[in-house]
């Protein structure tokens, strides 16, 4: 359902959304209002221009600034984070409403739709994500063990190449372990958040 700000022309406009449960939020898509039955409606309404997106991760409250172009096409904002709590869009400025032909401009900022794309954080999702992260760690550990064993008997001309591969595998293992620990921390925080919900 379209939203408007009751003839305030965008001044101090705030849209607040409650997604209900923790989610992994990929993107937000904002549609400025564009009535297909009245092609003049897009320009006659004020349109979102500059805005902030406020969302909540395990690192605290995050704020992302964005600017939407003055087109009827949907505008996508990338989040790519675990989110839990109210999500707030604060409009900082608008593309002003315009007269079209003999039709005067409207006084409203009008938003046609806001879409959220991502994944619900279910117990199955968390278990699967941790299982995959552990498998990645195990794969790097196996590769490192194989390379280390082979390096002991490798001829000099092959040793440098194997050492380079071992260094890459070591770096991959360190990143995989970091990702696993970060994921486990996120799951703990999500579980604590769920336990604190009414």
C-alpha atoms as a PDB file:
ATOM      1  CA  UNK A   1       0.000   0.000   0.000  1.00  0.00           C
ATOM      2  CA  UNK A   2       1.407   3.451  -0.889  1.00  0.00           C
ATOM      3  CA  UNK A   3       2.479   5.702   1.979  1.00  0.00           C
ATOM      4  CA  UNK A   4       2.436   9.500   2.129  1.00  0.00           C
ATOM      5  CA  UNK A   5       3.370  12.024   4.780  1.00  0.00           C
ATOM      6  CA  UNK A   6       0.054  13.909   5.022  1.00  0.00           C
ATOM      7  CA  UNK A   7       1.054  16.991   3.024  1.00  0.00           C
ATOM      8  CA  UNK A   8       4.393  17.595   4.791  1.00  0.00           C
ATOM      9  CA  UNK A   9       6.352  17.407   1.505  1.00  0.00           C
ATOM     10  CA  UNK A  10       8.986  15.161   3.060  1.00  0.00           C
ATOM     11  CA  UNK A  11       9.953  17.339   6.014  1.00  0.00           C
ATOM     12  CA  UNK A  12      11.261  15.011   8.741  1.00  0.00           C
ATOM     13  CA  UNK A  13       9.744  11.920   7.134  1.00  0.00           C
ATOM     14  CA  UNK A  14      10.517   8.694   9.032  1.00  0.00           C
ATOM     15  CA  UNK A  15       9.398   5.185   8.055  1.00  0.00           C
ATOM     16  CA  UNK A  16       9.811   2.487  10.705  1.00  0.00           C
ATOM     17  CA  UNK A  17       9.542  -1.237  10.001  1.00  0.00           C
ATOM     18  CA  UNK A  18       9.408  -4.175  12.407  1.00  0.00           C
ATOM     19  CA  UNK A  19      10.510  -7.347  10.623  1.00  0.00           C
ATOM     20  CA  UNK A  20       9.423  -9.414  13.611  1.00  0.00           C
ATOM     21  CA  UNK A  21      12.399 -11.764  13.951  1.00  0.00           C
ATOM     22  CA  UNK A  22      16.140 -11.677  13.289  1.00  0.00           C
ATOM     23  CA  UNK A  23      16.885 -11.877   9.565  1.00  0.00           C
ATOM     24  CA  UNK A  24      19.891 -11.903   7.293  1.00  0.00           C
ATOM     25  CA  UNK A  25      19.024  -8.808   5.285  1.00  0.00           C
ATOM     26  CA  UNK A  26      20.479  -8.694   1.783  1.00  0.00           C
ATOM     27  CA  UNK A  27      18.858  -5.638   0.220  1.00  0.00           C
ATOM     28  CA  UNK A  28      16.126  -3.038   0.611  1.00  0.00           C
ATOM     29  CA  UNK A  29      14.271  -1.856  -2.495  1.00  0.00           C
ATOM     30  CA  UNK A  30      12.483   1.513  -2.388  1.00  0.00           C
ATOM     31  CA  UNK A  31       9.805   2.401  -4.923  1.00  0.00           C
ATOM     32  CA  UNK A  32       8.782   6.032  -5.238  1.00  0.00           C
ATOM     33  CA  UNK A  33       5.048   6.223  -5.944  1.00  0.00           C
ATOM     34  CA  UNK A  34       4.167   5.812  -9.617  1.00  0.00           C
ATOM     35  CA  UNK A  35       0.511   5.171 -10.412  1.00  0.00           C
ATOM     36  CA  UNK A  36       0.369   3.168 -13.665  1.00  0.00           C
ATOM     37  CA  UNK A  37      -3.109   4.584 -14.327  1.00  0.00           C
ATOM     38  CA  UNK A  38      -1.817   8.165 -14.104  1.00  0.00           C
ATOM     39  CA  UNK A  39       1.648   8.664 -15.638  1.00  0.00           C
ATOM     40  CA  UNK A  40       1.718  12.193 -14.210  1.00  0.00           C
ATOM     41  CA  UNK A  41       1.628  10.949 -10.602  1.00  0.00           C
ATOM     42  CA  UNK A  42       5.363  10.298 -10.309  1.00  0.00           C
ATOM     43  CA  UNK A  43       6.392  13.910 -10.930  1.00  0.00           C
ATOM     44  CA  UNK A  44       3.402  15.443  -9.135  1.00  0.00           C
ATOM     45  CA  UNK A  45       4.459  13.833  -5.825  1.00  0.00           C
ATOM     46  CA  UNK A  46       7.645  14.601  -3.924  1.00  0.00           C
ATOM     47  CA  UNK A  47      10.089  11.684  -4.237  1.00  0.00           C
ATOM     48  CA  UNK A  48      12.696  10.272  -1.855  1.00  0.00           C
ATOM     49  CA  UNK A  49      16.170  11.638  -2.658  1.00  0.00           C
ATOM     50  CA  UNK A  50      18.693  11.471   0.224  1.00  0.00           C
ATOM     51  CA  UNK A  51      17.959   9.154   3.116  1.00  0.00           C
ATOM     52  CA  UNK A  52      19.520   7.146   5.945  1.00  0.00           C
ATOM     53  CA  UNK A  53      18.814   3.500   6.727  1.00  0.00           C
ATOM     54  CA  UNK A  54      19.211   2.617  10.409  1.00  0.00           C
ATOM     55  CA  UNK A  55      19.476  -1.078  11.265  1.00  0.00           C
ATOM     56  CA  UNK A  56      20.776  -3.174  14.154  1.00  0.00           C
ATOM     57  CA  UNK A  57      23.517  -5.792  14.017  1.00  0.00           C
ATOM     58  CA  UNK A  58      25.639  -7.604  16.589  1.00  0.00           C
ATOM     59  CA  UNK A  59      28.040  -4.652  16.312  1.00  0.00           C
ATOM     60  CA  UNK A  60      25.347  -2.163  17.339  1.00  0.00           C
ATOM     61  CA  UNK A  61      23.229   0.351  15.445  1.00  0.00           C
ATOM     62  CA  UNK A  62      24.421   0.948  11.885  1.00  0.00           C
ATOM     63  CA  UNK A  63      23.512   3.899   9.652  1.00  0.00           C
ATOM     64  CA  UNK A  64      23.840   3.830   5.898  1.00  0.00           C
ATOM     65  CA  UNK A  65      23.434   6.974   3.767  1.00  0.00           C
ATOM     66  CA  UNK A  66      22.090   6.706   0.231  1.00  0.00           C
ATOM     67  CA  UNK A  67      20.783   8.877  -2.601  1.00  0.00           C
ATOM     68  CA  UNK A  68      18.028   7.718  -4.923  1.00  0.00           C
ATOM     69  CA  UNK A  69      18.010   9.001  -8.520  1.00  0.00           C
ATOM     70  CA  UNK A  70      14.955  10.876  -9.767  1.00  0.00           C
ATOM     71  CA  UNK A  71      13.538   8.009 -11.791  1.00  0.00           C
ATOM     72  CA  UNK A  72      10.497   5.770 -11.506  1.00  0.00           C
ATOM     73  CA  UNK A  73      12.749   2.722 -11.357  1.00  0.00           C
ATOM     74  CA  UNK A  74      13.096   0.975  -7.955  1.00  0.00           C
ATOM     75  CA  UNK A  75      16.225   1.895  -5.970  1.00  0.00           C
ATOM     76  CA  UNK A  76      18.176  -0.875  -4.247  1.00  0.00           C
ATOM     77  CA  UNK A  77      20.249  -0.491  -1.064  1.00  0.00           C
ATOM     78  CA  UNK A  78      22.651  -3.303  -0.124  1.00  0.00           C
ATOM     79  CA  UNK A  79      22.745  -4.234   3.573  1.00  0.00           C
ATOM     80  CA  UNK A  80      24.260  -7.762   3.723  1.00  0.00           C
ATOM     81  CA  UNK A  81      24.084  -8.113   7.494  1.00  0.00           C
ATOM     82  CA  UNK A  82      22.211  -9.849  10.257  1.00  0.00           C
ATOM     83  CA  UNK A  83      19.515  -7.494  11.503  1.00  0.00           C
ATOM     84  CA  UNK A  84      17.340  -7.638  14.593  1.00  0.00           C
ATOM     85  CA  UNK A  85      15.001  -4.892  15.773  1.00  0.00           C
ATOM     86  CA  UNK A  86      13.256  -1.913  14.179  1.00  0.00           C
ATOM     87  CA  UNK A  87      14.559  -0.748  10.813  1.00  0.00           C
ATOM     88  CA  UNK A  88      14.213   2.978  10.214  1.00  0.00           C
ATOM     89  CA  UNK A  89      14.390   4.986   6.989  1.00  0.00           C
ATOM     90  CA  UNK A  90      14.901   8.716   7.625  1.00  0.00           C
ATOM     91  CA  UNK A  91      14.361  10.967   4.627  1.00  0.00           C
ATOM     92  CA  UNK A  92      16.908  13.799   4.532  1.00  0.00           C
ATOM     93  CA  UNK A  93      15.814  15.451   1.291  1.00  0.00           C
ATOM     94  CA  UNK A  94      13.345  14.952  -1.550  1.00  0.00           C
ATOM     95  CA  UNK A  95      13.007  15.536  -5.239  1.00  0.00           C
ATOM     96  CA  UNK A  96      10.326  18.273  -5.188  1.00  0.00           C
ATOM     97  CA  UNK A  97       6.839  17.742  -6.564  1.00  0.00           C
ATOM     98  CA  UNK A  98       6.238  19.332  -9.943  1.00  0.00           C
ATOM     99  CA  UNK A  99       3.289  20.547 -11.953  1.00  0.00           C
ATOM    100  CA  UNK A 100       2.614  18.373 -14.989  1.00  0.00           C
ATOM    101  CA  UNK A 101       0.712  19.913 -17.880  1.00  0.00           C
ATOM    102  CA  UNK A 102      -2.299  21.591 -16.257  1.00  0.00           C
ATOM    103  CA  UNK A 103      -2.156  19.433 -13.091  1.00  0.00           C
ATOM    104  CA  UNK A 104      -0.699  21.152  -9.989  1.00  0.00           C
ATOM    105  CA  UNK A 105       1.869  19.402  -7.753  1.00  0.00           C
ATOM    106  CA  UNK A 106       0.755  17.453  -4.706  1.00  0.00           C
ATOM    107  CA  UNK A 107       1.974  18.438  -1.258  1.00  0.00           C
ATOM    108  CA  UNK A 108       2.908  14.906  -0.210  1.00  0.00           C
ATOM    109  CA  UNK A 109       6.046  12.848  -0.234  1.00  0.00           C
ATOM    110  CA  UNK A 110       4.712   9.531  -1.505  1.00  0.00           C
ATOM    111  CA  UNK A 111       6.412   6.123  -1.338  1.00  0.00           C
ATOM    112  CA  UNK A 112       4.865   3.342  -3.378  1.00  0.00           C
ATOM    113  CA  UNK A 113       6.511   0.355  -1.687  1.00  0.00           C
ATOM    114  CA  UNK A 114       9.490  -0.760   0.385  1.00  0.00           C
ATOM    115  CA  UNK A 115      10.652  -4.343  -0.145  1.00  0.00           C
ATOM    116  CA  UNK A 116      13.032  -6.398   1.987  1.00  0.00           C
ATOM    117  CA  UNK A 117      15.038  -9.319   0.596  1.00  0.00           C
ATOM    118  CA  UNK A 118      16.932 -11.789   2.755  1.00  0.00           C
ATOM    119  CA  UNK A 119      16.554 -14.945   4.817  1.00  0.00           C
ATOM    120  CA  UNK A 120      14.792 -15.714   8.054  1.00  0.00           C
ATOM    121  CA  UNK A 121      17.253 -16.807  10.742  1.00  0.00           C
ATOM    122  CA  UNK A 122      15.771 -20.136  11.745  1.00  0.00           C
ATOM    123  CA  UNK A 123      17.420 -22.821  13.882  1.00  0.00           C
ATOM    124  CA  UNK A 124      17.900 -24.849  10.684  1.00  0.00           C
ATOM    125  CA  UNK A 125      19.588 -21.884   8.957  1.00  0.00           C
ATOM    126  CA  UNK A 126      21.981 -21.368  11.876  1.00  0.00           C
ATOM    127  CA  UNK A 127      22.837 -25.078  12.119  1.00  0.00           C
ATOM    128  CA  UNK A 128      23.436 -25.285   8.367  1.00  0.00           C
ATOM    129  CA  UNK A 129      25.609 -22.149   8.309  1.00  0.00           C
ATOM    130  CA  UNK A 130      27.784 -23.380  11.196  1.00  0.00           C
ATOM    131  CA  UNK A 131      28.065 -26.855   9.675  1.00  0.00           C
ATOM    132  CA  UNK A 132      29.233 -25.387   6.344  1.00  0.00           C
ATOM    133  CA  UNK A 133      31.717 -23.104   8.116  1.00  0.00           C
ATOM    134  CA  UNK A 134      33.169 -26.064  10.033  1.00  0.00           C
ATOM    135  CA  UNK A 135      33.461 -28.055   6.802  1.00  0.00           C
ATOM    136  CA  UNK A 136      35.412 -25.185   5.245  1.00  0.00           C
ATOM    137  CA  UNK A 137      37.803 -25.135   8.217  1.00  0.00           C
ATOM    138  CA  UNK A 138      38.254 -28.903   8.007  1.00  0.00           C
ATOM    139  CA  UNK A 139      38.965 -28.719   4.263  1.00  0.00           C
ATOM    140  CA  UNK A 140      41.744 -26.156   4.773  1.00  0.00           C
ATOM    141  CA  UNK A 141      43.200 -28.191   7.655  1.00  0.00           C
ATOM    142  CA  UNK A 142      43.258 -31.287   5.441  1.00  0.00           C
ATOM    143  CA  UNK A 143      44.906 -29.378   2.592  1.00  0.00           C
ATOM    144  CA  UNK A 144      47.555 -27.964   4.939  1.00  0.00           C
ATOM    145  CA  UNK A 145      48.307 -31.433   6.364  1.00  0.00           C
ATOM    146  CA  UNK A 146      48.677 -32.852   2.847  1.00  0.00           C
ATOM    147  CA  UNK A 147      50.941 -30.028   1.685  1.00  0.00           C
ATOM    148  CA  UNK A 148      53.061 -30.167   4.841  1.00  0.00           C
ATOM    149  CA  UNK A 149      53.597 -33.912   4.420  1.00  0.00           C
ATOM    150  CA  UNK A 150      54.421 -33.571   0.739  1.00  0.00           C
ATOM    151  CA  UNK A 151      56.817 -30.705   1.378  1.00  0.00           C
ATOM    152  CA  UNK A 152      59.010 -32.947   3.554  1.00  0.00           C
ATOM    153  CA  UNK A 153      59.921 -35.101   0.558  1.00  0.00           C
ATOM    154  CA  UNK A 154      59.517 -32.569  -2.250  1.00  0.00           C
ATOM    155  CA  UNK A 155      62.486 -31.973  -4.585  1.00  0.00           C
ATOM    156  CA  UNK A 156      64.047 -28.495  -4.330  1.00  0.00           C
ATOM    157  CA  UNK A 157      62.557 -27.367  -7.650  1.00  0.00           C
ATOM    158  CA  UNK A 158      59.018 -28.052  -6.370  1.00  0.00           C
ATOM    159  CA  UNK A 159      59.478 -26.869  -2.791  1.00  0.00           C
ATOM    160  CA  UNK A 160      58.927 -23.159  -3.437  1.00  0.00           C
ATOM    161  CA  UNK A 161      55.660 -23.735  -5.296  1.00  0.00           C
ATOM    162  CA  UNK A 162      54.420 -25.963  -2.472  1.00  0.00           C
ATOM    163  CA  UNK A 163      55.422 -23.386   0.137  1.00  0.00           C
ATOM    164  CA  UNK A 164      53.435 -20.772  -1.778  1.00  0.00           C
ATOM    165  CA  UNK A 165      50.398 -23.075  -1.813  1.00  0.00           C
ATOM    166  CA  UNK A 166      50.870 -23.734   1.889  1.00  0.00           C
ATOM    167  CA  UNK A 167      50.929 -19.996   2.632  1.00  0.00           C
ATOM    168  CA  UNK A 168      47.684 -19.527   0.685  1.00  0.00           C
ATOM    169  CA  UNK A 169      46.080 -22.422   2.548  1.00  0.00           C
ATOM    170  CA  UNK A 170      47.250 -21.008   5.899  1.00  0.00           C
ATOM    171  CA  UNK A 171      45.651 -17.658   5.051  1.00  0.00           C
ATOM    172  CA  UNK A 172      42.469 -19.418   3.947  1.00  0.00           C
ATOM    173  CA  UNK A 173      42.330 -21.372   7.208  1.00  0.00           C
ATOM    174  CA  UNK A 174      42.789 -18.212   9.278  1.00  0.00           C
ATOM    175  CA  UNK A 175      39.921 -16.520   7.428  1.00  0.00           C
ATOM    176  CA  UNK A 176      37.701 -19.615   7.714  1.00  0.00           C
ATOM    177  CA  UNK A 177      38.306 -19.825  11.476  1.00  0.00           C
ATOM    178  CA  UNK A 178      37.590 -16.095  11.835  1.00  0.00           C
ATOM    179  CA  UNK A 179      34.331 -16.497   9.903  1.00  0.00           C
ATOM    180  CA  UNK A 180      33.307 -19.505  12.020  1.00  0.00           C
ATOM    181  CA  UNK A 181      33.971 -17.671  15.290  1.00  0.00           C
ATOM    182  CA  UNK A 182      32.065 -14.618  14.029  1.00  0.00           C
ATOM    183  CA  UNK A 183      29.133 -16.800  12.990  1.00  0.00           C
ATOM    184  CA  UNK A 184      29.059 -18.585  16.347  1.00  0.00           C
ATOM    185  CA  UNK A 185      29.090 -15.191  18.076  1.00  0.00           C
ATOM    186  CA  UNK A 186      26.181 -14.017  15.932  1.00  0.00           C
ATOM    187  CA  UNK A 187      24.177 -17.159  16.674  1.00  0.00           C
ATOM    188  CA  UNK A 188      24.744 -16.676  20.404  1.00  0.00           C
ATOM    189  CA  UNK A 189      23.550 -13.079  20.188  1.00  0.00           C
ATOM    190  CA  UNK A 190      20.502 -14.080  18.138  1.00  0.00           C
ATOM    191  CA  UNK A 191      19.592 -16.776  20.642  1.00  0.00           C
ATOM    192  CA  UNK A 192      19.966 -14.303  23.511  1.00  0.00           C
ATOM    193  CA  UNK A 193      17.823 -11.788  21.619  1.00  0.00           C
ATOM    194  CA  UNK A 194      15.135 -14.416  21.063  1.00  0.00           C
ATOM    195  CA  UNK A 195      15.181 -15.391  24.730  1.00  0.00           C
ATOM    196  CA  UNK A 196      14.634 -11.752  25.688  1.00  0.00           C
ATOM    197  CA  UNK A 197      11.639 -11.299  23.388  1.00  0.00           C
ATOM    198  CA  UNK A 198       8.206 -11.172  25.039  1.00  0.00           C
END
